[in-house]
Amino acid sequence: MQQQEIALVRQRDANLTALAAIGPRKKRKMDSPGATPSGTEVPGSSVGSPGAASSPSTSSQRQRQRITRVNLRDFIFYMEQEKETAHSLLLYRALLK
């Protein structure tokens, strides 16, 4: 039992040392209104806390909304294909840009 605790402490120290050597991670900026500022840590994602990786339910509960980026050319193509927007004023304005 005591050897397991010592091994766990050594592993945790080794992980922290490796993370310190790598440097800070870049975090994505989230556009949602409930997003945390870029300088704060999301609860449950801290590296040093012992219970962070032990509960698999927290990762399944916090699924990020996927953001898809579309450029203007793709959007114009889509609008040309759709029957409702093929002759819309929005399409003609987009074509002028």
PDB file of N, CA and C in Angstrom:
ATOM      1  N   MET A   1       0.832  -1.195   0.000  1.00  0.00           N
ATOM      2  CA  MET A   1       0.000   0.000   0.000  1.00  0.00           C
ATOM      3  C   MET A   1       0.877   1.260   0.000  1.00  0.00           C
ATOM      4  N   GLN A   2       1.876   1.257   0.853  1.00  0.00           N
ATOM      5  CA  GLN A   2       2.758   2.410   0.955  1.00  0.00           C
ATOM      6  C   GLN A   2       3.593   2.567  -0.318  1.00  0.00           C
ATOM      7  N   GLN A   3       3.982   1.455  -0.920  1.00  0.00           N
ATOM      8  CA  GLN A   3       4.756   1.520  -2.162  1.00  0.00           C
ATOM      9  C   GLN A   3       3.915   2.094  -3.302  1.00  0.00           C
ATOM     10  N   GLN A   4       2.627   1.777  -3.317  1.00  0.00           N
ATOM     11  CA  GLN A   4       1.748   2.330  -4.338  1.00  0.00           C
ATOM     12  C   GLN A   4       1.622   3.845  -4.194  1.00  0.00           C
ATOM     13  N   GLU A   5       1.533   4.320  -2.965  1.00  0.00           N
ATOM     14  CA  GLU A   5       1.432   5.761  -2.726  1.00  0.00           C
ATOM     15  C   GLU A   5       2.716   6.469  -3.149  1.00  0.00           C
ATOM     16  N   ILE A   6       3.853   5.858  -2.852  1.00  0.00           N
ATOM     17  CA  ILE A   6       5.143   6.440  -3.240  1.00  0.00           C
ATOM     18  C   ILE A   6       5.261   6.478  -4.763  1.00  0.00           C
ATOM     19  N   ALA A   7       4.842   5.393  -5.420  1.00  0.00           N
ATOM     20  CA  ALA A   7       4.889   5.353  -6.879  1.00  0.00           C
ATOM     21  C   ALA A   7       3.951   6.398  -7.482  1.00  0.00           C
ATOM     22  N   LEU A   8       2.787   6.582  -6.867  1.00  0.00           N
ATOM     23  CA  LEU A   8       1.833   7.576  -7.355  1.00  0.00           C
ATOM     24  C   LEU A   8       2.391   8.988  -7.211  1.00  0.00           C
ATOM     25  N   VAL A   9       3.037   9.271  -6.074  1.00  0.00           N
ATOM     26  CA  VAL A   9       3.628  10.595  -5.854  1.00  0.00           C
ATOM     27  C   VAL A   9       4.758  10.838  -6.841  1.00  0.00           C
ATOM     28  N   ARG A  10       5.589   9.829  -7.091  1.00  0.00           N
ATOM     29  CA  ARG A  10       6.680   9.970  -8.058  1.00  0.00           C
ATOM     30  C   ARG A  10       6.152  10.220  -9.466  1.00  0.00           C
ATOM     31  N   GLN A  11       5.106   9.483  -9.822  1.00  0.00           N
ATOM     32  CA  GLN A  11       4.520   9.659 -11.151  1.00  0.00           C
ATOM     33  C   GLN A  11       3.936  11.061 -11.305  1.00  0.00           C
ATOM     34  N   ARG A  12       3.257  11.540 -10.269  1.00  0.00           N
ATOM     35  CA  ARG A  12       2.664  12.883 -10.307  1.00  0.00           C
ATOM     36  C   ARG A  12       3.753  13.947 -10.412  1.00  0.00           C
ATOM     37  N   ASP A  13       4.828  13.770  -9.652  1.00  0.00           N
ATOM     38  CA  ASP A  13       5.940  14.719  -9.730  1.00  0.00           C
ATOM     39  C   ASP A  13       6.598  14.710 -11.107  1.00  0.00           C
ATOM     40  N   ALA A  14       6.734  13.525 -11.667  1.00  0.00           N
ATOM     41  CA  ALA A  14       7.327  13.424 -12.999  1.00  0.00           C
ATOM     42  C   ALA A  14       6.441  14.103 -14.038  1.00  0.00           C
ATOM     43  N   ASN A  15       5.132  13.919 -13.911  1.00  0.00           N
ATOM     44  CA  ASN A  15       4.210  14.569 -14.849  1.00  0.00           C
ATOM     45  C   ASN A  15       4.267  16.089 -14.716  1.00  0.00           C
ATOM     46  N   LEU A  16       4.298  16.587 -13.499  1.00  0.00           N
ATOM     47  CA  LEU A  16       4.371  18.031 -13.290  1.00  0.00           C
ATOM     48  C   LEU A  16       5.676  18.609 -13.814  1.00  0.00           C
ATOM     49  N   THR A  17       6.764  17.876 -13.632  1.00  0.00           N
ATOM     50  CA  THR A  17       8.062  18.331 -14.141  1.00  0.00           C
ATOM     51  C   THR A  17       8.048  18.375 -15.667  1.00  0.00           C
ATOM     52  N   ALA A  18       7.466  17.356 -16.290  1.00  0.00           N
ATOM     53  CA  ALA A  18       7.388  17.327 -17.752  1.00  0.00           C
ATOM     54  C   ALA A  18       6.519  18.465 -18.278  1.00  0.00           C
ATOM     55  N   LEU A  19       5.399  18.716 -17.615  1.00  0.00           N
ATOM     56  CA  LEU A  19       4.526  19.804 -18.045  1.00  0.00           C
ATOM     57  C   LEU A  19       5.193  21.167 -17.856  1.00  0.00           C
ATOM     58  N   ALA A  20       5.963  21.313 -16.787  1.00  0.00           N
ATOM     59  CA  ALA A  20       6.678  22.564 -16.560  1.00  0.00           C
ATOM     60  C   ALA A  20       7.748  22.771 -17.629  1.00  0.00           C
ATOM     61  N   ALA A  21       8.377  21.683 -18.084  1.00  0.00           N
ATOM     62  CA  ALA A  21       9.403  21.787 -19.113  1.00  0.00           C
ATOM     63  C   ALA A  21       8.790  22.147 -20.465  1.00  0.00           C
ATOM     64  N   ILE A  22       7.587  21.656 -20.733  1.00  0.00           N
ATOM     65  CA  ILE A  22       6.922  21.940 -22.002  1.00  0.00           C
ATOM     66  C   ILE A  22       6.492  23.396 -22.065  1.00  0.00           C
ATOM     67  N   GLY A  23       5.987  23.912 -20.969  1.00  0.00           N
ATOM     68  CA  GLY A  23       5.509  25.288 -20.940  1.00  0.00           C
ATOM     69  C   GLY A  23       3.996  25.332 -20.903  1.00  0.00           C
ATOM     70  N   PRO A  24       3.444  26.540 -20.846  1.00  0.00           N
ATOM     71  CA  PRO A  24       1.986  26.652 -20.750  1.00  0.00           C
ATOM     72  C   PRO A  24       1.296  26.231 -22.042  1.00  0.00           C
ATOM     73  N   ARG A  25       0.117  25.629 -21.881  1.00  0.00           N
ATOM     74  CA  ARG A  25      -0.662  25.210 -23.038  1.00  0.00           C
ATOM     75  C   ARG A  25      -1.468  26.392 -23.572  1.00  0.00           C
ATOM     76  N   LYS A  26      -1.673  26.406 -24.877  1.00  0.00           N
ATOM     77  CA  LYS A  26      -2.543  27.418 -25.473  1.00  0.00           C
ATOM     78  C   LYS A  26      -3.975  26.937 -25.311  1.00  0.00           C
ATOM     79  N   LYS A  27      -4.839  27.842 -24.926  1.00  0.00           N
ATOM     80  CA  LYS A  27      -6.235  27.495 -24.739  1.00  0.00           C
ATOM     81  C   LYS A  27      -7.061  28.157 -25.824  1.00  0.00           C
ATOM     82  N   ARG A  28      -8.090  27.437 -26.272  1.00  0.00           N
ATOM     83  CA  ARG A  28      -8.987  28.001 -27.270  1.00  0.00           C
ATOM     84  C   ARG A  28      -9.880  29.051 -26.647  1.00  0.00           C
ATOM     85  N   LYS A  29     -10.148  30.090 -27.391  1.00  0.00           N
ATOM     86  CA  LYS A  29     -11.112  31.076 -26.939  1.00  0.00           C
ATOM     87  C   LYS A  29     -12.484  30.570 -27.339  1.00  0.00           C
ATOM     88  N   MET A  30     -13.372  30.548 -26.378  1.00  0.00           N
ATOM     89  CA  MET A  30     -14.716  30.075 -26.663  1.00  0.00           C
ATOM     90  C   MET A  30     -15.639  31.277 -26.818  1.00  0.00           C
ATOM     91  N   ASP A  31     -16.517  31.206 -27.812  1.00  0.00           N
ATOM     92  CA  ASP A  31     -17.407  32.320 -28.103  1.00  0.00           C
ATOM     93  C   ASP A  31     -18.704  32.275 -27.316  1.00  0.00           C
ATOM     94  N   SER A  32     -18.932  31.204 -26.577  1.00  0.00           N
ATOM     95  CA  SER A  32     -20.190  31.091 -25.847  1.00  0.00           C
ATOM     96  C   SER A  32     -20.206  32.067 -24.678  1.00  0.00           C
ATOM     97  N   PRO A  33     -21.398  32.548 -24.269  1.00  0.00           N
ATOM     98  CA  PRO A  33     -21.470  33.543 -23.193  1.00  0.00           C
ATOM     99  C   PRO A  33     -21.019  33.000 -21.844  1.00  0.00           C
ATOM    100  N   GLY A  34     -21.106  31.714 -21.603  1.00  0.00           N
ATOM    101  CA  GLY A  34     -20.694  31.150 -20.330  1.00  0.00           C
ATOM    102  C   GLY A  34     -19.245  30.711 -20.299  1.00  0.00           C
ATOM    103  N   ALA A  35     -18.467  31.111 -21.284  1.00  0.00           N
ATOM    104  CA  ALA A  35     -17.076  30.676 -21.372  1.00  0.00           C
ATOM    105  C   ALA A  35     -16.227  31.377 -20.318  1.00  0.00           C
ATOM    106  N   THR A  36     -15.215  30.669 -19.867  1.00  0.00           N
ATOM    107  CA  THR A  36     -14.301  31.259 -18.898  1.00  0.00           C
ATOM    108  C   THR A  36     -13.279  32.100 -19.633  1.00  0.00           C
ATOM    109  N   PRO A  37     -12.746  33.138 -19.018  1.00  0.00           N
ATOM    110  CA  PRO A  37     -11.703  33.938 -19.655  1.00  0.00           C
ATOM    111  C   PRO A  37     -10.482  33.090 -19.956  1.00  0.00           C
ATOM    112  N   SER A  38      -9.668  33.527 -20.892  1.00  0.00           N
ATOM    113  CA  SER A  38      -8.543  32.714 -21.354  1.00  0.00           C
ATOM    114  C   SER A  38      -7.484  32.506 -20.288  1.00  0.00           C
ATOM    115  N   GLY A  39      -7.454  33.296 -19.244  1.00  0.00           N
ATOM    116  CA  GLY A  39      -6.440  33.140 -18.218  1.00  0.00           C
ATOM    117  C   GLY A  39      -6.847  32.219 -17.091  1.00  0.00           C
ATOM    118  N   THR A  40      -8.097  31.773 -17.066  1.00  0.00           N
ATOM    119  CA  THR A  40      -8.550  30.936 -15.970  1.00  0.00           C
ATOM    120  C   THR A  40      -8.570  29.480 -16.365  1.00  0.00           C
ATOM    121  N   GLU A  41      -8.570  28.643 -15.400  1.00  0.00           N
ATOM    122  CA  GLU A  41      -8.554  27.207 -15.584  1.00  0.00           C
ATOM    123  C   GLU A  41      -9.974  26.678 -15.468  1.00  0.00           C
ATOM    124  N   VAL A  42     -10.357  25.741 -16.324  1.00  0.00           N
ATOM    125  CA  VAL A  42     -11.677  25.138 -16.267  1.00  0.00           C
ATOM    126  C   VAL A  42     -11.669  24.106 -15.145  1.00  0.00           C
ATOM    127  N   PRO A  43     -12.680  24.090 -14.262  1.00  0.00           N
ATOM    128  CA  PRO A  43     -12.695  23.123 -13.166  1.00  0.00           C
ATOM    129  C   PRO A  43     -12.678  21.700 -13.703  1.00  0.00           C
ATOM    130  N   GLY A  44     -11.871  20.859 -13.072  1.00  0.00           N
ATOM    131  CA  GLY A  44     -11.761  19.475 -13.509  1.00  0.00           C
ATOM    132  C   GLY A  44     -10.665  19.253 -14.528  1.00  0.00           C
ATOM    133  N   SER A  45     -10.021  20.297 -15.011  1.00  0.00           N
ATOM    134  CA  SER A  45      -8.978  20.119 -16.009  1.00  0.00           C
ATOM    135  C   SER A  45      -7.594  20.402 -15.455  1.00  0.00           C
ATOM    136  N   SER A  46      -7.485  20.616 -14.152  1.00  0.00           N
ATOM    137  CA  SER A  46      -6.180  20.914 -13.580  1.00  0.00           C
ATOM    138  C   SER A  46      -5.329  19.660 -13.535  1.00  0.00           C
ATOM    139  N   VAL A  47      -4.048  19.835 -13.724  1.00  0.00           N
ATOM    140  CA  VAL A  47      -3.139  18.707 -13.816  1.00  0.00           C
ATOM    141  C   VAL A  47      -2.773  18.188 -12.439  1.00  0.00           C
ATOM    142  N   GLY A  48      -2.597  19.048 -11.470  1.00  0.00           N
ATOM    143  CA  GLY A  48      -2.090  18.651 -10.172  1.00  0.00           C
ATOM    144  C   GLY A  48      -3.120  18.066  -9.233  1.00  0.00           C
ATOM    145  N   SER A  49      -4.410  18.224  -9.507  1.00  0.00           N
ATOM    146  CA  SER A  49      -5.403  17.712  -8.564  1.00  0.00           C
ATOM    147  C   SER A  49      -5.525  16.206  -8.684  1.00  0.00           C
ATOM    148  N   PRO A  50      -5.595  15.494  -7.564  1.00  0.00           N
ATOM    149  CA  PRO A  50      -5.605  14.045  -7.617  1.00  0.00           C
ATOM    150  C   PRO A  50      -6.884  13.473  -8.204  1.00  0.00           C
ATOM    151  N   GLY A  51      -8.015  14.137  -8.105  1.00  0.00           N
ATOM    152  CA  GLY A  51      -9.258  13.577  -8.594  1.00  0.00           C
ATOM    153  C   GLY A  51      -9.624  14.032  -9.990  1.00  0.00           C
ATOM    154  N   ALA A  52      -8.726  14.697 -10.683  1.00  0.00           N
ATOM    155  CA  ALA A  52      -9.066  15.269 -11.980  1.00  0.00           C
ATOM    156  C   ALA A  52      -9.305  14.194 -13.033  1.00  0.00           C
ATOM    157  N   ALA A  53      -8.457  13.178 -13.085  1.00  0.00           N
ATOM    158  CA  ALA A  53      -8.582  12.172 -14.123  1.00  0.00           C
ATOM    159  C   ALA A  53      -9.354  10.949 -13.650  1.00  0.00           C
ATOM    160  N   SER A  54      -9.768  10.903 -12.406  1.00  0.00           N
ATOM    161  CA  SER A  54     -10.387   9.697 -11.889  1.00  0.00           C
ATOM    162  C   SER A  54     -11.856   9.575 -12.246  1.00  0.00           C
ATOM    163  N   SER A  55     -12.551  10.671 -12.526  1.00  0.00           N
ATOM    164  CA  SER A  55     -13.979  10.578 -12.819  1.00  0.00           C
ATOM    165  C   SER A  55     -14.221  10.757 -14.309  1.00  0.00           C
ATOM    166  N   PRO A  56     -14.609   9.681 -15.013  1.00  0.00           N
ATOM    167  CA  PRO A  56     -14.845   9.786 -16.450  1.00  0.00           C
ATOM    168  C   PRO A  56     -16.127  10.529 -16.787  1.00  0.00           C
ATOM    169  N   SER A  57     -17.027  10.720 -15.814  1.00  0.00           N
ATOM    170  CA  SER A  57     -18.298  11.369 -16.108  1.00  0.00           C
ATOM    171  C   SER A  57     -18.128  12.860 -16.380  1.00  0.00           C
ATOM    172  N   THR A  58     -17.085  13.495 -15.821  1.00  0.00           N
ATOM    173  CA  THR A  58     -16.914  14.927 -16.037  1.00  0.00           C
ATOM    174  C   THR A  58     -16.537  15.221 -17.477  1.00  0.00           C
ATOM    175  N   SER A  59     -15.761  14.354 -18.127  1.00  0.00           N
ATOM    176  CA  SER A  59     -15.382  14.604 -19.511  1.00  0.00           C
ATOM    177  C   SER A  59     -16.566  14.400 -20.448  1.00  0.00           C
ATOM    178  N   SER A  60     -17.455  13.453 -20.115  1.00  0.00           N
ATOM    179  CA  SER A  60     -18.602  13.239 -20.980  1.00  0.00           C
ATOM    180  C   SER A  60     -19.670  14.308 -20.757  1.00  0.00           C
ATOM    181  N   GLN A  61     -19.713  14.906 -19.565  1.00  0.00           N
ATOM    182  CA  GLN A  61     -20.696  15.933 -19.287  1.00  0.00           C
ATOM    183  C   GLN A  61     -20.333  17.245 -19.971  1.00  0.00           C
ATOM    184  N   ARG A  62     -19.057  17.554 -20.078  1.00  0.00           N
ATOM    185  CA  ARG A  62     -18.618  18.826 -20.631  1.00  0.00           C
ATOM    186  C   ARG A  62     -18.099  18.626 -22.052  1.00  0.00           C
ATOM    187  N   GLN A  63     -19.007  18.507 -22.996  1.00  0.00           N
ATOM    188  CA  GLN A  63     -18.603  18.393 -24.380  1.00  0.00           C
ATOM    189  C   GLN A  63     -18.679  19.772 -25.002  1.00  0.00           C
ATOM    190  N   ARG A  64     -17.614  20.176 -25.635  1.00  0.00           N
ATOM    191  CA  ARG A  64     -17.563  21.504 -26.231  1.00  0.00           C
ATOM    192  C   ARG A  64     -18.381  21.539 -27.505  1.00  0.00           C
ATOM    193  N   GLN A  65     -18.994  22.674 -27.734  1.00  0.00           N
ATOM    194  CA  GLN A  65     -19.731  22.876 -28.965  1.00  0.00           C
ATOM    195  C   GLN A  65     -18.722  23.079 -30.084  1.00  0.00           C
ATOM    196  N   ARG A  66     -18.877  22.347 -31.150  1.00  0.00           N
ATOM    197  CA  ARG A  66     -17.936  22.417 -32.241  1.00  0.00           C
ATOM    198  C   ARG A  66     -18.220  23.639 -33.106  1.00  0.00           C
ATOM    199  N   ILE A  67     -17.194  24.385 -33.433  1.00  0.00           N
ATOM    200  CA  ILE A  67     -17.342  25.605 -34.224  1.00  0.00           C
ATOM    201  C   ILE A  67     -16.838  25.319 -35.634  1.00  0.00           C
ATOM    202  N   THR A  68     -17.692  25.589 -36.615  1.00  0.00           N
ATOM    203  CA  THR A  68     -17.318  25.388 -38.012  1.00  0.00           C
ATOM    204  C   THR A  68     -17.144  26.745 -38.660  1.00  0.00           C
ATOM    205  N   ARG A  69     -16.006  26.951 -39.265  1.00  0.00           N
ATOM    206  CA  ARG A  69     -15.738  28.231 -39.929  1.00  0.00           C
ATOM    207  C   ARG A  69     -16.048  28.074 -41.415  1.00  0.00           C
ATOM    208  N   VAL A  70     -16.762  29.032 -41.943  1.00  0.00           N
ATOM    209  CA  VAL A  70     -17.158  29.021 -43.342  1.00  0.00           C
ATOM    210  C   VAL A  70     -16.709  30.340 -43.958  1.00  0.00           C
ATOM    211  N   ASN A  71     -16.067  30.271 -45.114  1.00  0.00           N
ATOM    212  CA  ASN A  71     -15.684  31.519 -45.757  1.00  0.00           C
ATOM    213  C   ASN A  71     -16.785  31.968 -46.713  1.00  0.00           C
ATOM    214  N   LEU A  72     -16.679  33.161 -47.206  1.00  0.00           N
ATOM    215  CA  LEU A  72     -17.736  33.779 -48.013  1.00  0.00           C
ATOM    216  C   LEU A  72     -17.978  33.008 -49.311  1.00  0.00           C
ATOM    217  N   ARG A  73     -16.940  32.489 -49.905  1.00  0.00           N
ATOM    218  CA  ARG A  73     -17.094  31.754 -51.160  1.00  0.00           C
ATOM    219  C   ARG A  73     -17.949  30.500 -50.963  1.00  0.00           C
ATOM    220  N   ASP A  74     -17.724  29.778 -49.862  1.00  0.00           N
ATOM    221  CA  ASP A  74     -18.537  28.606 -49.558  1.00  0.00           C
ATOM    222  C   ASP A  74     -19.988  28.983 -49.314  1.00  0.00           C
ATOM    223  N   PHE A  75     -20.200  30.085 -48.602  1.00  0.00           N
ATOM    224  CA  PHE A  75     -21.553  30.523 -48.286  1.00  0.00           C
ATOM    225  C   PHE A  75     -22.300  30.956 -49.565  1.00  0.00           C
ATOM    226  N   ILE A  76     -21.603  31.621 -50.457  1.00  0.00           N
ATOM    227  CA  ILE A  76     -22.219  32.021 -51.724  1.00  0.00           C
ATOM    228  C   ILE A  76     -22.602  30.786 -52.537  1.00  0.00           C
ATOM    229  N   PHE A  77     -21.723  29.805 -52.579  1.00  0.00           N
ATOM    230  CA  PHE A  77     -22.026  28.569 -53.308  1.00  0.00           C
ATOM    231  C   PHE A  77     -23.270  27.901 -52.739  1.00  0.00           C
ATOM    232  N   TYR A  78     -23.360  27.834 -51.427  1.00  0.00           N
ATOM    233  CA  TYR A  78     -24.530  27.234 -50.782  1.00  0.00           C
ATOM    234  C   TYR A  78     -25.794  28.017 -51.135  1.00  0.00           C
ATOM    235  N   MET A  79     -25.719  29.339 -51.090  1.00  0.00           N
ATOM    236  CA  MET A  79     -26.893  30.156 -51.372  1.00  0.00           C
ATOM    237  C   MET A  79     -27.335  30.017 -52.833  1.00  0.00           C
ATOM    238  N   GLU A  80     -26.392  29.832 -53.738  1.00  0.00           N
ATOM    239  CA  GLU A  80     -26.749  29.639 -55.149  1.00  0.00           C
ATOM    240  C   GLU A  80     -27.463  28.310 -55.370  1.00  0.00           C
ATOM    241  N   GLN A  81     -27.156  27.312 -54.575  1.00  0.00           N
ATOM    242  CA  GLN A  81     -27.745  25.982 -54.751  1.00  0.00           C
ATOM    243  C   GLN A  81     -29.140  25.872 -54.149  1.00  0.00           C
ATOM    244  N   GLU A  82     -29.418  26.645 -53.126  1.00  0.00           N
ATOM    245  CA  GLU A  82     -30.721  26.573 -52.451  1.00  0.00           C
ATOM    246  C   GLU A  82     -31.775  27.345 -53.221  1.00  0.00           C
ATOM    247  N   LYS A  83     -32.962  26.772 -53.311  1.00  0.00           N
ATOM    248  CA  LYS A  83     -34.041  27.393 -54.077  1.00  0.00           C
ATOM    249  C   LYS A  83     -34.524  28.694 -53.425  1.00  0.00           C
ATOM    250  N   GLU A  84     -34.555  28.724 -52.083  1.00  0.00           N
ATOM    251  CA  GLU A  84     -35.074  29.891 -51.376  1.00  0.00           C
ATOM    252  C   GLU A  84     -34.143  31.102 -51.478  1.00  0.00           C
ATOM    253  N   THR A  85     -32.851  30.875 -51.584  1.00  0.00           N
ATOM    254  CA  THR A  85     -31.890  31.984 -51.559  1.00  0.00           C
ATOM    255  C   THR A  85     -31.212  32.243 -52.905  1.00  0.00           C
ATOM    256  N   ALA A  86     -31.598  31.501 -53.953  1.00  0.00           N
ATOM    257  CA  ALA A  86     -30.913  31.625 -55.241  1.00  0.00           C
ATOM    258  C   ALA A  86     -31.070  33.018 -55.845  1.00  0.00           C
ATOM    259  N   HIS A  87     -32.196  33.682 -55.589  1.00  0.00           N
ATOM    260  CA  HIS A  87     -32.429  35.012 -56.156  1.00  0.00           C
ATOM    261  C   HIS A  87     -32.641  36.049 -55.067  1.00  0.00           C
ATOM    262  N   SER A  88     -32.017  35.847 -53.944  1.00  0.00           N
ATOM    263  CA  SER A  88     -32.237  36.765 -52.823  1.00  0.00           C
ATOM    264  C   SER A  88     -31.304  37.973 -52.908  1.00  0.00           C
ATOM    265  N   LEU A  89     -31.716  39.033 -52.251  1.00  0.00           N
ATOM    266  CA  LEU A  89     -30.917  40.246 -52.189  1.00  0.00           C
ATOM    267  C   LEU A  89     -29.613  40.002 -51.430  1.00  0.00           C
ATOM    268  N   LEU A  90     -29.664  39.140 -50.434  1.00  0.00           N
ATOM    269  CA  LEU A  90     -28.454  38.813 -49.668  1.00  0.00           C
ATOM    270  C   LEU A  90     -27.401  38.176 -50.543  1.00  0.00           C
ATOM    271  N   LEU A  91     -27.810  37.290 -51.450  1.00  0.00           N
ATOM    272  CA  LEU A  91     -26.850  36.651 -52.370  1.00  0.00           C
ATOM    273  C   LEU A  91     -26.227  37.683 -53.291  1.00  0.00           C
ATOM    274  N   TYR A  92     -27.028  38.577 -53.833  1.00  0.00           N
ATOM    275  CA  TYR A  92     -26.488  39.582 -54.752  1.00  0.00           C
ATOM    276  C   TYR A  92     -25.530  40.526 -54.028  1.00  0.00           C
ATOM    277  N   ARG A  93     -25.842  40.857 -52.808  1.00  0.00           N
ATOM    278  CA  ARG A  93     -24.911  41.705 -52.033  1.00  0.00           C
ATOM    279  C   ARG A  93     -23.610  40.972 -51.733  1.00  0.00           C
ATOM    280  N   ALA A  94     -23.723  39.676 -51.457  1.00  0.00           N
ATOM    281  CA  ALA A  94     -22.514  38.882 -51.183  1.00  0.00           C
ATOM    282  C   ALA A  94     -21.641  38.761 -52.427  1.00  0.00           C
ATOM    283  N   LEU A  95     -22.274  38.681 -53.585  1.00  0.00           N
ATOM    284  CA  LEU A  95     -21.513  38.588 -54.821  1.00  0.00           C
ATOM    285  C   LEU A  95     -20.771  39.883 -55.141  1.00  0.00           C
ATOM    286  N   LEU A  96     -21.269  41.019 -54.636  1.00  0.00           N
ATOM    287  CA  LEU A  96     -20.604  42.280 -54.885  1.00  0.00           C
ATOM    288  C   LEU A  96     -19.343  42.464 -54.047  1.00  0.00           C
ATOM    289  N   LYS A  97     -19.224  41.725 -52.996  1.00  0.00           N
ATOM    290  CA  LYS A  97     -18.054  41.891 -52.107  1.00  0.00           C
ATOM    291  C   LYS A  97     -16.831  41.225 -52.665  1.00  0.00           C
TER     292      LYS A  97
END
